[in-house]
């Protein structure tokens, strides 16, 4: 997977949070740099937050965004 979708990334976070970036990359079959970039963008939008170095979790706004993507 060259570029992971927001829906897929947020779904993994919602299911397993908090999740290390390497585990996200493995789960989504994506390069860790790709995951890091997507998490950074989603964090900028308020959908995820970094709880420690390379560990992310979904926010309430991210859960609402995930629901909108599933409709």
N, C-alpha and C. Protein backbone atom coordinates (compact mmCIF):
# COMPACT_ATOMS: atom_id res chain seq x y z
N UNK A 1 0.86 -1.17 0.00
CA UNK A 1 0.00 0.00 0.00
C UNK A 1 0.90 1.23 0.00
N UNK A 2 0.85 1.99 -1.05
CA UNK A 2 1.73 3.14 -1.16
C UNK A 2 1.31 4.25 -0.21
N UNK A 3 0.03 4.51 -0.13
CA UNK A 3 -0.46 5.56 0.75
C UNK A 3 -1.66 5.03 1.50
N UNK A 4 -1.58 5.04 2.80
CA UNK A 4 -2.69 4.50 3.59
C UNK A 4 -3.81 5.52 3.64
N UNK A 5 -5.02 5.02 3.73
CA UNK A 5 -6.18 5.91 3.79
C UNK A 5 -6.40 6.37 5.23
N UNK A 6 -7.02 7.53 5.36
CA UNK A 6 -7.38 8.02 6.68
C UNK A 6 -8.28 7.02 7.38
N UNK A 7 -9.22 6.48 6.63
CA UNK A 7 -10.19 5.54 7.20
C UNK A 7 -9.49 4.32 7.79
N UNK A 8 -8.56 3.74 7.05
CA UNK A 8 -7.85 2.56 7.51
C UNK A 8 -7.00 2.87 8.74
N UNK A 9 -6.28 3.98 8.70
CA UNK A 9 -5.41 4.34 9.80
C UNK A 9 -6.23 4.62 11.06
N UNK A 10 -7.30 5.40 10.92
CA UNK A 10 -8.13 5.72 12.08
C UNK A 10 -8.83 4.48 12.63
N UNK A 11 -9.22 3.56 11.75
CA UNK A 11 -9.88 2.34 12.20
C UNK A 11 -8.94 1.50 13.06
N UNK A 12 -7.68 1.41 12.66
CA UNK A 12 -6.70 0.66 13.46
C UNK A 12 -6.51 1.34 14.81
N UNK A 13 -6.39 2.65 14.80
CA UNK A 13 -6.23 3.38 16.06
C UNK A 13 -7.45 3.20 16.97
N UNK A 14 -8.63 3.25 16.39
CA UNK A 14 -9.85 3.11 17.19
C UNK A 14 -9.94 1.72 17.81
N UNK A 15 -9.43 0.74 17.10
CA UNK A 15 -9.50 -0.64 17.57
C UNK A 15 -8.43 -0.98 18.59
N UNK A 16 -7.23 -0.42 18.42
CA UNK A 16 -6.08 -0.87 19.21
C UNK A 16 -5.41 0.20 20.05
N UNK A 17 -5.93 1.39 20.11
CA UNK A 17 -5.19 2.51 20.70
C UNK A 17 -4.67 2.27 22.10
N UNK A 18 -3.59 2.93 22.49
CA UNK A 18 -2.64 3.63 21.62
C UNK A 18 -1.77 2.64 20.85
N UNK A 19 -1.26 3.11 19.72
CA UNK A 19 -0.51 2.22 18.83
C UNK A 19 0.81 2.88 18.42
N UNK A 20 1.88 2.08 18.45
CA UNK A 20 3.17 2.57 17.99
C UNK A 20 3.16 2.67 16.47
N UNK A 21 3.92 3.62 15.96
CA UNK A 21 3.97 3.86 14.52
C UNK A 21 4.39 2.60 13.76
N UNK A 22 5.35 1.85 14.27
CA UNK A 22 5.81 0.63 13.59
C UNK A 22 4.68 -0.39 13.50
N UNK A 23 3.87 -0.49 14.53
CA UNK A 23 2.73 -1.42 14.51
C UNK A 23 1.67 -0.96 13.52
N UNK A 24 1.47 0.35 13.43
CA UNK A 24 0.54 0.88 12.42
C UNK A 24 1.04 0.55 11.02
N UNK A 25 2.31 0.74 10.80
CA UNK A 25 2.89 0.46 9.48
C UNK A 25 2.71 -1.01 9.11
N UNK A 26 2.93 -1.89 10.07
CA UNK A 26 2.76 -3.32 9.82
C UNK A 26 1.29 -3.65 9.54
N UNK A 27 0.40 -3.13 10.36
CA UNK A 27 -1.02 -3.41 10.20
C UNK A 27 -1.56 -2.90 8.87
N UNK A 28 -1.03 -1.78 8.41
CA UNK A 28 -1.54 -1.16 7.18
C UNK A 28 -0.68 -1.48 5.96
N UNK A 29 0.36 -2.29 6.16
CA UNK A 29 1.27 -2.65 5.08
C UNK A 29 1.79 -1.42 4.36
N UNK A 30 2.24 -0.46 5.16
CA UNK A 30 2.75 0.80 4.61
C UNK A 30 4.11 1.09 5.22
N UNK A 31 4.87 1.92 4.57
CA UNK A 31 6.19 2.31 5.06
C UNK A 31 6.00 3.20 6.30
N UNK A 32 6.85 3.03 7.31
CA UNK A 32 6.73 3.86 8.51
C UNK A 32 6.75 5.36 8.24
N UNK A 33 7.50 5.80 7.25
CA UNK A 33 7.53 7.23 6.92
C UNK A 33 6.16 7.68 6.43
N UNK A 34 5.48 6.85 5.65
CA UNK A 34 4.14 7.17 5.18
C UNK A 34 3.19 7.31 6.36
N UNK A 35 3.28 6.38 7.30
CA UNK A 35 2.42 6.43 8.49
C UNK A 35 2.72 7.68 9.31
N UNK A 36 3.99 7.99 9.48
CA UNK A 36 4.38 9.17 10.24
C UNK A 36 3.81 10.44 9.60
N UNK A 37 3.88 10.53 8.28
CA UNK A 37 3.35 11.70 7.57
C UNK A 37 1.84 11.80 7.74
N UNK A 38 1.13 10.67 7.59
CA UNK A 38 -0.33 10.68 7.73
C UNK A 38 -0.73 11.05 9.16
N UNK A 39 -0.03 10.48 10.14
CA UNK A 39 -0.34 10.80 11.54
C UNK A 39 -0.09 12.28 11.82
N UNK A 40 0.98 12.83 11.26
CA UNK A 40 1.27 14.25 11.43
C UNK A 40 0.13 15.10 10.87
N UNK A 41 -0.33 14.75 9.66
CA UNK A 41 -1.42 15.50 9.04
C UNK A 41 -2.72 15.34 9.82
N UNK A 42 -3.00 14.12 10.26
CA UNK A 42 -4.21 13.89 11.05
C UNK A 42 -4.13 14.57 12.41
N UNK A 43 -2.93 14.66 12.96
CA UNK A 43 -2.75 15.37 14.22
C UNK A 43 -2.98 16.87 14.01
N UNK A 44 -2.52 17.40 12.91
CA UNK A 44 -2.73 18.82 12.60
C UNK A 44 -4.21 19.14 12.48
N UNK A 45 -5.00 18.16 12.02
CA UNK A 45 -6.44 18.34 11.88
C UNK A 45 -7.20 18.00 13.17
N UNK A 46 -6.48 17.54 14.19
CA UNK A 46 -7.11 17.22 15.47
C UNK A 46 -7.73 15.83 15.55
N UNK A 47 -7.41 14.95 14.59
CA UNK A 47 -8.01 13.62 14.56
C UNK A 47 -7.22 12.57 15.33
N UNK A 48 -5.93 12.80 15.51
CA UNK A 48 -5.10 11.91 16.34
C UNK A 48 -4.21 12.77 17.21
N UNK A 49 -3.68 12.16 18.25
CA UNK A 49 -2.68 12.86 19.06
C UNK A 49 -1.55 11.90 19.36
N UNK A 50 -0.37 12.47 19.48
CA UNK A 50 0.81 11.68 19.80
C UNK A 50 0.94 11.68 21.32
N UNK A 51 0.88 10.49 21.91
CA UNK A 51 0.93 10.39 23.37
C UNK A 51 2.36 10.25 23.88
N UNK A 52 3.26 9.79 23.04
CA UNK A 52 4.69 9.75 23.32
C UNK A 52 5.40 9.54 22.00
N UNK A 53 6.70 9.47 22.02
CA UNK A 53 7.47 9.34 20.79
C UNK A 53 7.01 8.17 19.92
N UNK A 54 6.34 8.48 18.83
CA UNK A 54 5.92 7.46 17.88
C UNK A 54 4.71 6.64 18.30
N UNK A 55 4.01 7.07 19.34
CA UNK A 55 2.80 6.37 19.79
C UNK A 55 1.62 7.32 19.63
N UNK A 56 0.59 6.83 18.91
CA UNK A 56 -0.56 7.67 18.58
C UNK A 56 -1.85 7.06 19.10
N UNK A 57 -2.83 7.95 19.32
CA UNK A 57 -4.18 7.50 19.63
C UNK A 57 -5.17 8.41 18.93
N UNK A 58 -6.37 7.90 18.72
CA UNK A 58 -7.41 8.65 18.05
C UNK A 58 -8.09 9.59 19.05
N UNK A 59 -8.52 10.75 18.58
CA UNK A 59 -9.24 11.70 19.43
C UNK A 59 -10.74 11.55 19.20
N UNK A 60 -11.52 12.25 20.00
CA UNK A 60 -12.97 12.24 19.79
C UNK A 60 -13.32 12.80 18.41
N UNK A 61 -12.59 13.84 18.00
CA UNK A 61 -12.81 14.40 16.66
C UNK A 61 -12.45 13.38 15.59
N UNK A 62 -11.42 12.59 15.86
CA UNK A 62 -11.02 11.54 14.93
C UNK A 62 -12.07 10.46 14.82
N UNK A 63 -12.70 10.12 15.93
CA UNK A 63 -13.78 9.12 15.90
C UNK A 63 -14.97 9.63 15.07
N UNK A 64 -15.30 10.91 15.25
CA UNK A 64 -16.39 11.50 14.47
C UNK A 64 -16.03 11.52 12.98
N UNK A 65 -14.78 11.85 12.66
CA UNK A 65 -14.32 11.86 11.29
C UNK A 65 -14.37 10.45 10.70
N UNK A 66 -13.96 9.45 11.47
CA UNK A 66 -14.01 8.06 11.03
C UNK A 66 -15.44 7.66 10.72
N UNK A 67 -16.37 8.04 11.57
CA UNK A 67 -17.79 7.73 11.33
C UNK A 67 -18.27 8.36 10.02
N UNK A 68 -17.83 9.59 9.76
CA UNK A 68 -18.25 10.26 8.52
C UNK A 68 -17.66 9.57 7.28
N UNK A 69 -16.49 8.98 7.43
CA UNK A 69 -15.85 8.29 6.31
C UNK A 69 -16.53 6.95 6.03
N UNK A 70 -17.20 6.39 7.01
CA UNK A 70 -17.83 5.07 6.85
C UNK A 70 -19.24 5.18 6.29
N UNK A 71 -19.79 6.37 6.21
CA UNK A 71 -21.16 6.54 5.71
C UNK A 71 -21.23 6.51 4.21
